[in-house]
Amino acid sequence: MTLWGGAFSQPTDDAVRRLNDSLRFDWRLYDVDITGSIAWVAELVEAGVITPDERDRITAGLEQVRAEFARGEFQPAPGDEDVHTAVERRLGEIVGEVAGKLHTGRSRNDQVATDVLLWLLGAQAQIAGAVAALMRGLLAQAEAAPNAIMPGHTHFQPAQPLAAAHWWLGHFWALARDVERLKSMADTWCDRCPLGSGALAGTPYAIDRQRLAERLGFRRAAPNSLDAVADRDHVAEMLFALALIGTHLSRLSEDLIIYANPAFGFVRLDERYSTGSSLMPQKRNPDPLELARGKAGRLIGHLAGFLATLKSLPSGYNKDLQEDKEPLFDACDTLLDVLPPLAGLVETLAIDEARMRGALVEGMLATDLADYLVGRGVPFRQAHHLAGQVVRRAETQGVPLSALTLADYRAISDVFEDDVRAVFDFDAAVARRAAHGGTGDTVWQIAAAHDWLDQISAPATPHRPE
């Protein structure tokens, strides 16, 4: 069975079928495909195309097909070109010729466009939930060691001391943007239901597309049928969002790979989230982190490849658009493979507060030294220069800043007094940066992070029925 071919005198070549057929990957659209078909057949009754009895028979048959897929019992047939063909073929086997009325007035073009949108609405929620699980681990680590202080870096050079909680929360808020982005995109996607657009020009039957859209959980119908069947902006947006999540996971992973190295020793990974070497018995390899870092490139590649597919297509549906599904499905699968082990790794790792604090060097307090001078009326630009001279003198003598004598300080500026030594307190340096969002503001940040997770986890009115 195919959904076309009446005008053809020869069967499709087997090599073309192997290239063209998509059931091997688009089968996972079965649930949303059937949901869309049930909504469509309900509208066909309203339009006077089929009877209520025919609708009920078709609907019951579609639910049986859905159950067979869900139980893993669905058996593909040689002519199943795609999931749409497979569902309709099996429906015909169950309910007979009335199954042939299901496709009245619609095309696989608007059908697949609707399927992908519906599938994306579920996928974004699943991925957002997996990201939120990792974020809970980050927040728990931020709370677990409220007094831990670590070196902060810019250009991967020692910069200023940070509360360790501030570092954990830095990754938390990056992922929060990712979740918000997913939810914002999903809200936009609910504004355009493609079903009822036909192949490109719309349907000739009296279908109420607004009501149809609402049946499927959309707010309104897509305004232009030609655009609706070719629109894959949502796929590109999702691939971008997933690639950016992958990028953020890669940066977190890179930090943890560095900090787990014994040369730093800031964290120790639980053995369940480490691997060993087949040659070197002492090795504890952070493979989950390295794989997360590596798979970011895969996610970025899917986005770049799909944009290249879209860039030169003429108006309307083109078979090139079949290339939307494999990168989309793989990108979602990739993140759903990466996120759970990362969440477990973060939740179970141990931090070494002593190693973190032991890595602090007084040079990180040079800005505090400049601020000390600012507090005594020295313009910051001049204070910056004077603090730099202090750093150079300490380096020349091979001593920390606090080991310089008051005479050394006053040789650079007579503004320095003996109380300058109070500057060399890492805890105080962190506490001084208590402006909103600063490293001394982690108590507020932790509370805000809890509020954010509570809000994102709160049940919302669904845009589509479960």
Foldseek 3Di string as FASTA:
>chain_A
DDPDDPVPDDDDDPVVLVVQADAVFQLVLLVVLLLLLLLQLVLCCVLVNDPPVLSVLLNVLSVVVVVCVVVVNQDADPPRRHNNSSSLVSSCVRRNPSSVSSCAFADVLLSVLQSVLLVLLVLLVVLLVLLLLLLVLLLVVLVPCVQFKFFDDDVNDGAAIFGVSLVSVVLSVLSLVLNVLSVVLNLVSLAERQTQLHQANGGPTPGPQCVSSQQFLHRGHHPGSQCSSADPVSLLSLLVSLLSVLVSLLVVLVVVQVCCPPVQVFKPWDQVQWDADPPDGVDTHRVLSVVSNVCSVVSVVLSVVVCVLPPDDDTGDDSSCVSSRPSSVVSSVSSVVNRPSSSVRSNPMDGDSVSRVVPDAQVNLLLVQLVVVVVVVDPSVVSNVLSVVLVVVCVVVVHGSLPDDQVVSVVSPVSDDPCSSVSRDSSVSQCVQCPPSGSNVSVVVSVVSVVSSVVVPDDDDGSGDD
